[in-house]
Each structure stands twice: as structure tokens, then as C-alpha cells.
């Protein structure tokens, strides 16, 4: 529950992420996060950046892989 103005100040990135977002397949990502805690006086204390994590997404989501596995099992059962 952090105001957009604070996020814009604390996150000098080329892209600000708001709400739900989805990752694209076969894409490399670099992620670091900060927390913002609202104080009694209404001000926010922003943490240091977390450790940077780099990862690459796969071609298919877990849901898609499960669907492919189920189809393969049906076909294999007919053979």
C-alpha cells in the first residue's frame, strides 16, 4: 500500500511495475526489490535494494507443460 509518488521516487527504473504483470517466455530478467514501510507520522521508510537476481523464463508455463504431459499420456495410452 505505497503511494505511486513514493514508488516513482524510490524506483528510478526504465519501467515501473504496477498491479499484476506477467513475464514473457524466453526472456532474461534482472530483479531487485525495495520495501517501503509507513510510519506513525505518515512518512515512509524505504529499505536498501535487495540482492540482484537474474533469471531467464522458459518457453512454456507450468500449466502449459502439465497440459502437454496430459496429452502425451493420453496418446501413449493408445499406443
PDB file of N, CA and C in Angstrom:
ATOM      1  N   UNK A   1       0.842  -1.179   0.000  1.00  0.00           N
ATOM      2  CA  UNK A   1       0.000   0.000   0.000  1.00  0.00           C
ATOM      3  C   UNK A   1       0.888   1.244   0.000  1.00  0.00           C
ATOM      4  N   UNK A   2       1.650   1.400  -1.062  1.00  0.00           N
ATOM      5  CA  UNK A   2       2.588   2.508  -1.168  1.00  0.00           C
ATOM      6  C   UNK A   2       2.104   3.460  -2.252  1.00  0.00           C
ATOM      7  N   UNK A   3       2.014   4.753  -1.950  1.00  0.00           N
ATOM      8  CA  UNK A   3       1.563   5.709  -2.968  1.00  0.00           C
ATOM      9  C   UNK A   3       2.462   5.702  -4.200  1.00  0.00           C
ATOM     10  N   UNK A   4       1.858   5.904  -5.357  1.00  0.00           N
ATOM     11  CA  UNK A   4       2.602   5.903  -6.620  1.00  0.00           C
ATOM     12  C   UNK A   4       3.721   6.932  -6.614  1.00  0.00           C
ATOM     13  N   UNK A   5       3.497   8.087  -5.975  1.00  0.00           N
ATOM     14  CA  UNK A   5       4.534   9.116  -5.928  1.00  0.00           C
ATOM     15  C   UNK A   5       5.793   8.597  -5.249  1.00  0.00           C
ATOM     16  N   UNK A   6       5.629   7.840  -4.176  1.00  0.00           N
ATOM     17  CA  UNK A   6       6.785   7.286  -3.466  1.00  0.00           C
ATOM     18  C   UNK A   6       7.481   6.251  -4.336  1.00  0.00           C
ATOM     19  N   UNK A   7       6.712   5.413  -4.994  1.00  0.00           N
ATOM     20  CA  UNK A   7       7.301   4.395  -5.871  1.00  0.00           C
ATOM     21  C   UNK A   7       8.106   5.066  -6.965  1.00  0.00           C
ATOM     22  N   UNK A   8       7.556   6.088  -7.575  1.00  0.00           N
ATOM     23  CA  UNK A   8       8.259   6.791  -8.647  1.00  0.00           C
ATOM     24  C   UNK A   8       9.562   7.416  -8.144  1.00  0.00           C
ATOM     25  N   UNK A   9       9.575   7.907  -6.911  1.00  0.00           N
ATOM     26  CA  UNK A   9      10.789   8.478  -6.330  1.00  0.00           C
ATOM     27  C   UNK A   9      11.813   7.404  -6.003  1.00  0.00           C
ATOM     28  N   UNK A  10      11.342   6.301  -5.421  1.00  0.00           N
ATOM     29  CA  UNK A  10      12.250   5.274  -4.927  1.00  0.00           C
ATOM     30  C   UNK A  10      12.748   4.349  -6.014  1.00  0.00           C
ATOM     31  N   UNK A  11      12.060   4.312  -7.142  1.00  0.00           N
ATOM     32  CA  UNK A  11      12.401   3.341  -8.179  1.00  0.00           C
ATOM     33  C   UNK A  11      12.799   4.045  -9.470  1.00  0.00           C
ATOM     34  N   UNK A  12      14.049   4.424  -9.593  1.00  0.00           N
ATOM     35  CA  UNK A  12      14.492   5.067 -10.825  1.00  0.00           C
ATOM     36  C   UNK A  12      14.792   4.032 -11.902  1.00  0.00           C
ATOM     37  N   UNK A  13      13.768   3.365 -12.390  1.00  0.00           N
ATOM     38  CA  UNK A  13      13.928   2.330 -13.397  1.00  0.00           C
ATOM     39  C   UNK A  13      13.329   2.799 -14.713  1.00  0.00           C
ATOM     40  N   UNK A  14      13.696   2.126 -15.802  1.00  0.00           N
ATOM     41  CA  UNK A  14      13.067   2.481 -17.072  1.00  0.00           C
ATOM     42  C   UNK A  14      11.591   2.090 -17.118  1.00  0.00           C
ATOM     43  N   UNK A  15      11.175   1.214 -16.210  1.00  0.00           N
ATOM     44  CA  UNK A  15       9.789   0.772 -16.205  1.00  0.00           C
ATOM     45  C   UNK A  15       9.318   0.608 -14.765  1.00  0.00           C
ATOM     46  N   UNK A  16       8.186   1.156 -14.433  1.00  0.00           N
ATOM     47  CA  UNK A  16       7.577   0.964 -13.127  1.00  0.00           C
ATOM     48  C   UNK A  16       6.486  -0.077 -13.268  1.00  0.00           C
ATOM     49  N   UNK A  17       6.521  -1.075 -12.418  1.00  0.00           N
ATOM     50  CA  UNK A  17       5.532  -2.153 -12.475  1.00  0.00           C
ATOM     51  C   UNK A  17       4.419  -1.844 -11.489  1.00  0.00           C
ATOM     52  N   UNK A  18       3.195  -1.870 -11.974  1.00  0.00           N
ATOM     53  CA  UNK A  18       2.045  -1.623 -11.118  1.00  0.00           C
ATOM     54  C   UNK A  18       1.054  -2.759 -11.281  1.00  0.00           C
ATOM     55  N   UNK A  19       0.451  -3.190 -10.203  1.00  0.00           N
ATOM     56  CA  UNK A  19      -0.564  -4.235 -10.266  1.00  0.00           C
ATOM     57  C   UNK A  19       0.030  -5.575 -10.666  1.00  0.00           C
ATOM     58  N   UNK A  20      -0.772  -6.388 -11.327  1.00  0.00           N
ATOM     59  CA  UNK A  20      -0.323  -7.713 -11.768  1.00  0.00           C
ATOM     60  C   UNK A  20       0.378  -7.583 -13.112  1.00  0.00           C
ATOM     61  N   UNK A  21       1.398  -8.337 -13.286  1.00  0.00           N
ATOM     62  CA  UNK A  21       2.097  -8.348 -14.557  1.00  0.00           C
ATOM     63  C   UNK A  21       2.583  -9.761 -14.835  1.00  0.00           C
ATOM     64  N   UNK A  22       2.799 -10.047 -16.083  1.00  0.00           N
ATOM     65  CA  UNK A  22       3.172 -11.388 -16.492  1.00  0.00           C
ATOM     66  C   UNK A  22       4.508 -11.351 -17.218  1.00  0.00           C
ATOM     67  N   UNK A  23       5.290 -12.399 -17.035  1.00  0.00           N
ATOM     68  CA  UNK A  23       6.593 -12.475 -17.672  1.00  0.00           C
ATOM     69  C   UNK A  23       6.456 -13.078 -19.064  1.00  0.00           C
ATOM     70  N   UNK A  24       7.284 -12.620 -19.971  1.00  0.00           N
ATOM     71  CA  UNK A  24       7.281 -13.142 -21.329  1.00  0.00           C
ATOM     72  C   UNK A  24       8.184 -14.372 -21.412  1.00  0.00           C
ATOM     73  N   UNK A  25       7.824 -15.346 -22.249  1.00  0.00           N
ATOM     74  CA  UNK A  25       8.672 -16.528 -22.401  1.00  0.00           C
ATOM     75  C   UNK A  25       9.997 -16.176 -23.071  1.00  0.00           C
ATOM     76  N   UNK A  26      11.022 -16.989 -22.793  1.00  0.00           N
ATOM     77  CA  UNK A  26      12.357 -16.843 -23.386  1.00  0.00           C
ATOM     78  C   UNK A  26      12.897 -15.415 -23.236  1.00  0.00           C
ATOM     79  N   UNK A  27      12.761 -14.871 -22.042  1.00  0.00           N
ATOM     80  CA  UNK A  27      13.199 -13.501 -21.784  1.00  0.00           C
ATOM     81  C   UNK A  27      14.067 -13.469 -20.530  1.00  0.00           C
ATOM     82  N   UNK A  28      15.176 -12.743 -20.613  1.00  0.00           N
ATOM     83  CA  UNK A  28      16.049 -12.598 -19.448  1.00  0.00           C
ATOM     84  C   UNK A  28      15.576 -11.412 -18.612  1.00  0.00           C
ATOM     85  N   UNK A  29      15.549 -11.607 -17.297  1.00  0.00           N
ATOM     86  CA  UNK A  29      15.113 -10.564 -16.370  1.00  0.00           C
ATOM     87  C   UNK A  29      16.174 -10.343 -15.303  1.00  0.00           C
ATOM     88  N   UNK A  30      16.271  -9.118 -14.847  1.00  0.00           N
ATOM     89  CA  UNK A  30      17.100  -8.746 -13.712  1.00  0.00           C
ATOM     90  C   UNK A  30      16.162  -8.068 -12.720  1.00  0.00           C
ATOM     91  N   UNK A  31      16.144  -8.586 -11.480  1.00  0.00           N
ATOM     92  CA  UNK A  31      15.176  -8.108 -10.499  1.00  0.00           C
ATOM     93  C   UNK A  31      15.870  -7.744  -9.190  1.00  0.00           C
ATOM     94  N   UNK A  32      15.459  -6.624  -8.634  1.00  0.00           N
ATOM     95  CA  UNK A  32      15.848  -6.227  -7.285  1.00  0.00           C
ATOM     96  C   UNK A  32      14.628  -5.526  -6.697  1.00  0.00           C
ATOM     97  N   UNK A  33      14.452  -5.628  -5.395  1.00  0.00           N
ATOM     98  CA  UNK A  33      13.278  -5.029  -4.766  1.00  0.00           C
ATOM     99  C   UNK A  33      13.666  -4.166  -3.567  1.00  0.00           C
ATOM    100  N   UNK A  34      12.745  -3.270  -3.224  1.00  0.00           N
ATOM    101  CA  UNK A  34      12.847  -2.465  -2.016  1.00  0.00           C
ATOM    102  C   UNK A  34      11.520  -2.576  -1.291  1.00  0.00           C
ATOM    103  N   UNK A  35      11.560  -2.364   0.011  1.00  0.00           N
ATOM    104  CA  UNK A  35      10.318  -2.300   0.775  1.00  0.00           C
ATOM    105  C   UNK A  35      10.103  -0.866   1.240  1.00  0.00           C
ATOM    106  N   UNK A  36       8.847  -0.533   1.450  1.00  0.00           N
ATOM    107  CA  UNK A  36       8.501   0.785   1.983  1.00  0.00           C
ATOM    108  C   UNK A  36       7.514   0.576   3.121  1.00  0.00           C
ATOM    109  N   UNK A  37       7.873   1.028   4.306  1.00  0.00           N
ATOM    110  CA  UNK A  37       7.021   0.866   5.485  1.00  0.00           C
ATOM    111  C   UNK A  37       6.489   2.219   5.928  1.00  0.00           C
ATOM    112  N   UNK A  38       5.174   2.290   6.080  1.00  0.00           N
ATOM    113  CA  UNK A  38       4.550   3.541   6.525  1.00  0.00           C
ATOM    114  C   UNK A  38       4.761   3.686   8.028  1.00  0.00           C
ATOM    115  N   UNK A  39       5.240   4.851   8.432  1.00  0.00           N
ATOM    116  CA  UNK A  39       5.495   5.137   9.831  1.00  0.00           C
ATOM    117  C   UNK A  39       4.264   5.797  10.469  1.00  0.00           C
ATOM    118  N   UNK A  40       4.266   5.898  11.790  1.00  0.00           N
ATOM    119  CA  UNK A  40       3.165   6.501  12.530  1.00  0.00           C
ATOM    120  C   UNK A  40       2.907   7.939  12.070  1.00  0.00           C
ATOM    121  N   UNK A  41       3.980   8.666  11.737  1.00  0.00           N
ATOM    122  CA  UNK A  41       3.825  10.058  11.317  1.00  0.00           C
ATOM    123  C   UNK A  41       3.354  10.204   9.867  1.00  0.00           C
ATOM    124  N   UNK A  42       3.133   9.053   9.176  1.00  0.00           N
ATOM    125  CA  UNK A  42       2.638   9.080   7.805  1.00  0.00           C
ATOM    126  C   UNK A  42       3.732   9.050   6.752  1.00  0.00           C
ATOM    127  N   UNK A  43       4.972   9.206   7.189  1.00  0.00           N
ATOM    128  CA  UNK A  43       6.087   9.156   6.253  1.00  0.00           C
ATOM    129  C   UNK A  43       6.447   7.695   5.977  1.00  0.00           C
ATOM    130  N   UNK A  44       7.227   7.454   4.937  1.00  0.00           N
ATOM    131  CA  UNK A  44       7.635   6.091   4.593  1.00  0.00           C
ATOM    132  C   UNK A  44       9.135   5.934   4.761  1.00  0.00           C
ATOM    133  N   UNK A  45       9.539   4.763   5.262  1.00  0.00           N
ATOM    134  CA  UNK A  45      10.949   4.405   5.342  1.00  0.00           C
ATOM    135  C   UNK A  45      11.187   3.368   4.251  1.00  0.00           C
ATOM    136  N   UNK A  46      12.127   3.671   3.353  1.00  0.00           N
ATOM    137  CA  UNK A  46      12.412   2.795   2.223  1.00  0.00           C
ATOM    138  C   UNK A  46      13.712   2.055   2.484  1.00  0.00           C
ATOM    139  N   UNK A  47      13.682   0.743   2.285  1.00  0.00           N
ATOM    140  CA  UNK A  47      14.865  -0.083   2.538  1.00  0.00           C
ATOM    141  C   UNK A  47      15.893   0.069   1.420  1.00  0.00           C
ATOM    142  N   UNK A  48      17.055  -0.501   1.660  1.00  0.00           N
ATOM    143  CA  UNK A  48      18.074  -0.598   0.617  1.00  0.00           C
ATOM    144  C   UNK A  48      17.585  -1.601  -0.426  1.00  0.00           C
ATOM    145  N   UNK A  49      18.207  -1.591  -1.591  1.00  0.00           N
ATOM    146  CA  UNK A  49      17.852  -2.567  -2.621  1.00  0.00           C
ATOM    147  C   UNK A  49      18.277  -3.965  -2.185  1.00  0.00           C
ATOM    148  N   UNK A  50      17.481  -4.956  -2.564  1.00  0.00           N
ATOM    149  CA  UNK A  50      17.828  -6.345  -2.285  1.00  0.00           C
ATOM    150  C   UNK A  50      18.972  -6.773  -3.202  1.00  0.00           C
ATOM    151  N   UNK A  51      19.431  -7.982  -2.985  1.00  0.00           N
ATOM    152  CA  UNK A  51      20.402  -8.586  -3.885  1.00  0.00           C
ATOM    153  C   UNK A  51      19.768  -8.678  -5.274  1.00  0.00           C
ATOM    154  N   UNK A  52      20.558  -8.478  -6.303  1.00  0.00           N
ATOM    155  CA  UNK A  52      20.047  -8.577  -7.673  1.00  0.00           C
ATOM    156  C   UNK A  52      19.964 -10.043  -8.076  1.00  0.00           C
ATOM    157  N   UNK A  53      18.822 -10.405  -8.645  1.00  0.00           N
ATOM    158  CA  UNK A  53      18.611 -11.772  -9.108  1.00  0.00           C
ATOM    159  C   UNK A  53      18.404 -11.727 -10.617  1.00  0.00           C
ATOM    160  N   UNK A  54      19.113 -12.590 -11.333  1.00  0.00           N
ATOM    161  CA  UNK A  54      18.959 -12.681 -12.781  1.00  0.00           C
ATOM    162  C   UNK A  54      18.416 -14.062 -13.123  1.00  0.00           C
ATOM    163  N   UNK A  55      17.447 -14.109 -14.038  1.00  0.00           N
ATOM    164  CA  UNK A  55      16.895 -15.389 -14.467  1.00  0.00           C
ATOM    165  C   UNK A  55      16.323 -15.262 -15.866  1.00  0.00           C
ATOM    166  N   UNK A  56      16.082 -16.399 -16.485  1.00  0.00           N
ATOM    167  CA  UNK A  56      15.505 -16.445 -17.820  1.00  0.00           C
ATOM    168  C   UNK A  56      14.259 -17.316 -17.760  1.00  0.00           C
ATOM    169  N   UNK A  57      13.172 -16.845 -18.377  1.00  0.00           N
ATOM    170  CA  UNK A  57      11.939 -17.630 -18.391  1.00  0.00           C
ATOM    171  C   UNK A  57      12.019 -18.702 -19.476  1.00  0.00           C
ATOM    172  N   UNK A  58      11.261 -19.762 -19.273  1.00  0.00           N
ATOM    173  CA  UNK A  58      11.239 -20.887 -20.208  1.00  0.00           C
ATOM    174  C   UNK A  58      10.244 -20.618 -21.337  1.00  0.00           C
ATOM    175  N   UNK A  59      10.148 -21.587 -22.248  1.00  0.00           N
ATOM    176  CA  UNK A  59       9.214 -21.465 -23.367  1.00  0.00           C
ATOM    177  C   UNK A  59       7.770 -21.610 -22.926  1.00  0.00           C
ATOM    178  N   UNK A  60       7.531 -22.458 -21.925  1.00  0.00           N
ATOM    179  CA  UNK A  60       6.166 -22.766 -21.516  1.00  0.00           C
ATOM    180  C   UNK A  60       5.998 -22.566 -20.016  1.00  0.00           C
ATOM    181  N   UNK A  61       4.797 -22.216 -19.607  1.00  0.00           N
ATOM    182  CA  UNK A  61       4.492 -22.101 -18.182  1.00  0.00           C
ATOM    183  C   UNK A  61       4.268 -23.496 -17.622  1.00  0.00           C
ATOM    184  N   UNK A  62       4.221 -23.606 -16.302  1.00  0.00           N
ATOM    185  CA  UNK A  62       3.967 -24.892 -15.654  1.00  0.00           C
ATOM    186  C   UNK A  62       2.601 -25.451 -16.068  1.00  0.00           C
ATOM    187  N   UNK A  63       1.619 -24.585 -16.212  1.00  0.00           N
ATOM    188  CA  UNK A  63       0.276 -25.008 -16.639  1.00  0.00           C
ATOM    189  C   UNK A  63       0.340 -25.616 -18.035  1.00  0.00           C
ATOM    190  N   UNK A  64       1.036 -24.944 -18.943  1.00  0.00           N
ATOM    191  CA  UNK A  64       1.158 -25.462 -20.307  1.00  0.00           C
ATOM    192  C   UNK A  64       1.908 -26.793 -20.342  1.00  0.00           C
ATOM    193  N   UNK A  65       2.965 -26.900 -19.557  1.00  0.00           N
ATOM    194  CA  UNK A  65       3.712 -28.162 -19.519  1.00  0.00           C
ATOM    195  C   UNK A  65       2.851 -29.296 -18.979  1.00  0.00           C
ATOM    196  N   UNK A  66       2.025 -29.016 -17.975  1.00  0.00           N
ATOM    197  CA  UNK A  66       1.119 -30.031 -17.427  1.00  0.00           C
ATOM    198  C   UNK A  66       0.114 -30.476 -18.486  1.00  0.00           C
ATOM    199  N   UNK A  67      -0.422 -29.526 -19.244  1.00  0.00           N
ATOM    200  CA  UNK A  67      -1.358 -29.861 -20.316  1.00  0.00           C
ATOM    201  C   UNK A  67      -0.693 -30.725 -21.388  1.00  0.00           C
ATOM    202  N   UNK A  68       0.549 -30.383 -21.758  1.00  0.00           N
ATOM    203  CA  UNK A  68       1.271 -31.187 -22.730  1.00  0.00           C
ATOM    204  C   UNK A  68       1.536 -32.593 -22.215  1.00  0.00           C
ATOM    205  N   UNK A  69       1.885 -32.711 -20.935  1.00  0.00           N
ATOM    206  CA  UNK A  69       2.120 -34.023 -20.333  1.00  0.00           C
ATOM    207  C   UNK A  69       0.852 -34.864 -20.363  1.00  0.00           C
ATOM    208  N   UNK A  70      -0.276 -34.264 -20.008  1.00  0.00           N
ATOM    209  CA  UNK A  70      -1.547 -34.997 -20.015  1.00  0.00           C
ATOM    210  C   UNK A  70      -1.889 -35.483 -21.428  1.00  0.00           C
ATOM    211  N   UNK A  71      -1.690 -34.657 -22.422  1.00  0.00           N
ATOM    212  CA  UNK A  71      -1.954 -35.057 -23.808  1.00  0.00           C
ATOM    213  C   UNK A  71      -1.029 -36.191 -24.235  1.00  0.00           C
ATOM    214  N   UNK A  72       0.244 -36.098 -23.840  1.00  0.00           N
ATOM    215  CA  UNK A  72       1.214 -37.147 -24.179  1.00  0.00           C
ATOM    216  C   UNK A  72       0.832 -38.472 -23.518  1.00  0.00           C
ATOM    217  N   UNK A  73       0.370 -38.414 -22.278  1.00  0.00           N
ATOM    218  CA  UNK A  73      -0.041 -39.642 -21.580  1.00  0.00           C
ATOM    219  C   UNK A  73      -1.251 -40.280 -22.254  1.00  0.00           C
ATOM    220  N   UNK A  74      -2.191 -39.474 -22.747  1.00  0.00           N
ATOM    221  CA  UNK A  74      -3.374 -40.000 -23.442  1.00  0.00           C
ATOM    222  C   UNK A  74      -2.926 -40.686 -24.730  1.00  0.00           C
ATOM    223  N   UNK A  75      -2.064 -40.021 -25.477  1.00  0.00           N
ATOM    224  CA  UNK A  75      -1.577 -40.597 -26.727  1.00  0.00           C
ATOM    225  C   UNK A  75      -0.785 -41.870 -26.463  1.00  0.00           C
ATOM    226  N   UNK A  76       0.072 -41.860 -25.455  1.00  0.00           N
ATOM    227  CA  UNK A  76       0.881 -43.035 -25.130  1.00  0.00           C
ATOM    228  C   UNK A  76      -0.003 -44.196 -24.707  1.00  0.00           C
ATOM    229  N   UNK A  77      -1.123 -43.905 -24.064  1.00  0.00           N
ATOM    230  CA  UNK A  77      -2.039 -44.963 -23.658  1.00  0.00           C
ATOM    231  C   UNK A  77      -2.705 -45.642 -24.831  1.00  0.00           C
ATOM    232  N   UNK A  78      -2.829 -44.972 -25.956  1.00  0.00           N
ATOM    233  CA  UNK A  78      -3.446 -45.541 -27.158  1.00  0.00           C
ATOM    234  C   UNK A  78      -2.463 -46.390 -27.941  1.00  0.00           C
ATOM    235  N   UNK A  79      -1.175 -46.259 -27.675  1.00  0.00           N
ATOM    236  CA  UNK A  79      -0.157 -46.981 -28.462  1.00  0.00           C
ATOM    237  C   UNK A  79       0.039 -48.386 -27.947  1.00  0.00           C
TER     238      UNK A  79
END
